[in-house]
Amino acid sequence: MTDQNEPTESVAPVASDDLFGDWLPIETAPKGRKAVLVFRADRLCTFCATWDDITNEWRHFGGSSYPVGGEITHWMPLPSPPNGDDHQLGAEE
């Protein structure tokens, strides 16, 4: 059995890199309350996060607001949310 806290080879990108921009060095990320996607290298995972100017750390966005922790090395902007043309928000299927 593998340790669930260890990165595994099964972690693979779901979408083509052509759909998204390039990962940027974390030093270039916007500071403040703007949510971005961050990459935690020590766990090979991504999080939606915002920078906390008071504690000087990345925090989870959209619920817990706990510190992301670990080795955050890269970031990229989040895609735009869907609009009414892309999907009928709130419509039952």
C-alpha atoms as a PDB file:
ATOM      1  CA  MET A   1       0.000   0.000   0.000  1.00  0.00           C
ATOM      2  CA  THR A   2       1.269   3.493  -0.832  1.00  0.00           C
ATOM      3  CA  ASP A   3       1.343   6.416   1.550  1.00  0.00           C
ATOM      4  CA  GLN A   4      -1.542   8.660   0.488  1.00  0.00           C
ATOM      5  CA  ASN A   5       0.520  11.731   1.388  1.00  0.00           C
ATOM      6  CA  GLU A   6       3.235  10.864  -1.147  1.00  0.00           C
ATOM      7  CA  PRO A   7       3.050  12.087  -4.757  1.00  0.00           C
ATOM      8  CA  THR A   8       2.341   9.291  -7.234  1.00  0.00           C
ATOM      9  CA  GLU A   9       2.982   8.658 -10.899  1.00  0.00           C
ATOM     10  CA  SER A  10      -0.787   8.497 -11.432  1.00  0.00           C
ATOM     11  CA  VAL A  11      -1.058  12.271 -11.127  1.00  0.00           C
ATOM     12  CA  ALA A  12      -1.449  13.347 -14.738  1.00  0.00           C
ATOM     13  CA  PRO A  13      -2.776  16.431 -16.491  1.00  0.00           C
ATOM     14  CA  VAL A  14      -6.418  16.112 -17.488  1.00  0.00           C
ATOM     15  CA  ALA A  15      -6.455  18.770 -20.184  1.00  0.00           C
ATOM     16  CA  SER A  16      -4.057  19.709 -22.916  1.00  0.00           C
ATOM     17  CA  ASP A  17      -1.580  22.501 -22.195  1.00  0.00           C
ATOM     18  CA  ASP A  18      -3.005  24.192 -25.294  1.00  0.00           C
ATOM     19  CA  LEU A  19      -6.169  25.012 -23.324  1.00  0.00           C
ATOM     20  CA  PHE A  20      -4.340  26.859 -20.569  1.00  0.00           C
ATOM     21  CA  GLY A  21      -1.563  29.385 -20.255  1.00  0.00           C
ATOM     22  CA  ASP A  22       1.907  28.599 -19.023  1.00  0.00           C
ATOM     23  CA  TRP A  23       2.752  28.116 -15.367  1.00  0.00           C
ATOM     24  CA  LEU A  24       4.520  31.231 -14.088  1.00  0.00           C
ATOM     25  CA  PRO A  25       7.069  31.559 -11.260  1.00  0.00           C
ATOM     26  CA  ILE A  26       5.304  32.161  -7.936  1.00  0.00           C
ATOM     27  CA  GLU A  27       7.349  35.339  -7.441  1.00  0.00           C
ATOM     28  CA  THR A  28       5.323  36.937 -10.249  1.00  0.00           C
ATOM     29  CA  ALA A  29       1.895  36.057  -8.785  1.00  0.00           C
ATOM     30  CA  PRO A  30      -0.490  38.889  -7.887  1.00  0.00           C
ATOM     31  CA  LYS A  31      -0.583  39.669  -4.192  1.00  0.00           C
ATOM     32  CA  GLY A  32      -3.865  40.524  -2.536  1.00  0.00           C
ATOM     33  CA  ARG A  33      -7.285  38.930  -2.684  1.00  0.00           C
ATOM     34  CA  LYS A  34      -7.231  37.817  -6.347  1.00  0.00           C
ATOM     35  CA  ALA A  35      -7.756  34.043  -6.593  1.00  0.00           C
ATOM     36  CA  VAL A  36      -5.244  32.133  -8.727  1.00  0.00           C
ATOM     37  CA  LEU A  37      -4.268  28.510  -9.277  1.00  0.00           C
ATOM     38  CA  VAL A  38      -1.068  27.612  -7.401  1.00  0.00           C
ATOM     39  CA  PHE A  39       1.154  24.525  -7.717  1.00  0.00           C
ATOM     40  CA  ARG A  40       2.529  22.839  -4.604  1.00  0.00           C
ATOM     41  CA  ALA A  41       5.682  21.045  -5.782  1.00  0.00           C
ATOM     42  CA  ASP A  42       6.247  18.898  -2.691  1.00  0.00           C
ATOM     43  CA  ARG A  43       2.835  17.214  -3.171  1.00  0.00           C
ATOM     44  CA  LEU A  44       2.435  17.579  -6.967  1.00  0.00           C
ATOM     45  CA  CYS A  45      -0.984  19.188  -6.585  1.00  0.00           C
ATOM     46  CA  THR A  46      -2.788  22.424  -7.346  1.00  0.00           C
ATOM     47  CA  PHE A  47      -5.033  24.675  -5.289  1.00  0.00           C
ATOM     48  CA  CYS A  48      -7.171  27.726  -5.855  1.00  0.00           C
ATOM     49  CA  ALA A  49      -5.605  30.245  -3.484  1.00  0.00           C
ATOM     50  CA  THR A  50      -5.265  33.908  -2.536  1.00  0.00           C
ATOM     51  CA  TRP A  51      -2.332  35.733  -0.961  1.00  0.00           C
ATOM     52  CA  ASP A  52      -2.818  36.926   2.629  1.00  0.00           C
ATOM     53  CA  ASP A  53      -0.951  40.215   3.169  1.00  0.00           C
ATOM     54  CA  ILE A  54      -1.290  39.957   6.954  1.00  0.00           C
ATOM     55  CA  THR A  55       0.238  36.490   7.403  1.00  0.00           C
ATOM     56  CA  ASN A  56       2.333  36.587   4.192  1.00  0.00           C
ATOM     57  CA  GLU A  57       1.193  33.170   2.988  1.00  0.00           C
ATOM     58  CA  TRP A  58      -1.013  31.519   0.379  1.00  0.00           C
ATOM     59  CA  ARG A  59      -4.440  30.468   1.674  1.00  0.00           C
ATOM     60  CA  HIS A  60      -7.047  28.116   0.205  1.00  0.00           C
ATOM     61  CA  PHE A  61      -9.806  30.018  -1.590  1.00  0.00           C
ATOM     62  CA  GLY A  62     -13.474  29.118  -1.553  1.00  0.00           C
ATOM     63  CA  GLY A  63     -14.224  27.636   1.808  1.00  0.00           C
ATOM     64  CA  SER A  64     -11.610  26.823   4.383  1.00  0.00           C
ATOM     65  CA  SER A  65      -9.078  29.664   3.955  1.00  0.00           C
ATOM     66  CA  TYR A  66      -6.472  27.445   5.664  1.00  0.00           C
ATOM     67  CA  PRO A  67      -2.839  28.067   4.708  1.00  0.00           C
ATOM     68  CA  VAL A  68      -1.801  26.096   1.618  1.00  0.00           C
ATOM     69  CA  GLY A  69       1.631  25.417   3.125  1.00  0.00           C
ATOM     70  CA  GLY A  70       4.367  23.415   1.475  1.00  0.00           C
ATOM     71  CA  GLU A  71       6.535  24.453  -1.434  1.00  0.00           C
ATOM     72  CA  ILE A  72       4.453  26.723  -3.699  1.00  0.00           C
ATOM     73  CA  THR A  73       6.529  27.218  -6.850  1.00  0.00           C
ATOM     74  CA  HIS A  74       4.205  28.295  -9.685  1.00  0.00           C
ATOM     75  CA  TRP A  75       0.874  29.923 -10.442  1.00  0.00           C
ATOM     76  CA  MET A  76      -1.515  30.637 -13.313  1.00  0.00           C
ATOM     77  CA  PRO A  77      -4.656  32.765 -13.676  1.00  0.00           C
ATOM     78  CA  LEU A  78      -8.025  31.081 -13.313  1.00  0.00           C
ATOM     79  CA  PRO A  79     -10.165  30.808 -16.442  1.00  0.00           C
ATOM     80  CA  SER A  80     -13.145  33.106 -16.815  1.00  0.00           C
ATOM     81  CA  PRO A  81     -16.365  31.730 -15.322  1.00  0.00           C
ATOM     82  CA  PRO A  82     -18.953  30.353 -17.739  1.00  0.00           C
ATOM     83  CA  ASN A  83     -21.461  32.811 -19.126  1.00  0.00           C
ATOM     84  CA  GLY A  84     -25.068  32.271 -20.181  1.00  0.00           C
ATOM     85  CA  ASP A  85     -24.002  31.316 -23.706  1.00  0.00           C
ATOM     86  CA  ASP A  86     -21.719  28.535 -22.460  1.00  0.00           C
ATOM     87  CA  HIS A  87     -24.160  26.973 -20.033  1.00  0.00           C
ATOM     88  CA  GLN A  88     -27.507  27.860 -18.572  1.00  0.00           C
ATOM     89  CA  LEU A  89     -26.494  28.524 -15.003  1.00  0.00           C
ATOM     90  CA  GLY A  90     -28.975  27.121 -12.527  1.00  0.00           C
ATOM     91  CA  ALA A  91     -31.049  25.340 -15.164  1.00  0.00           C
ATOM     92  CA  GLU A  92     -32.198  21.823 -14.413  1.00  0.00           C
ATOM     93  CA  GLU A  93     -31.041  19.172 -16.838  1.00  0.00           C
END
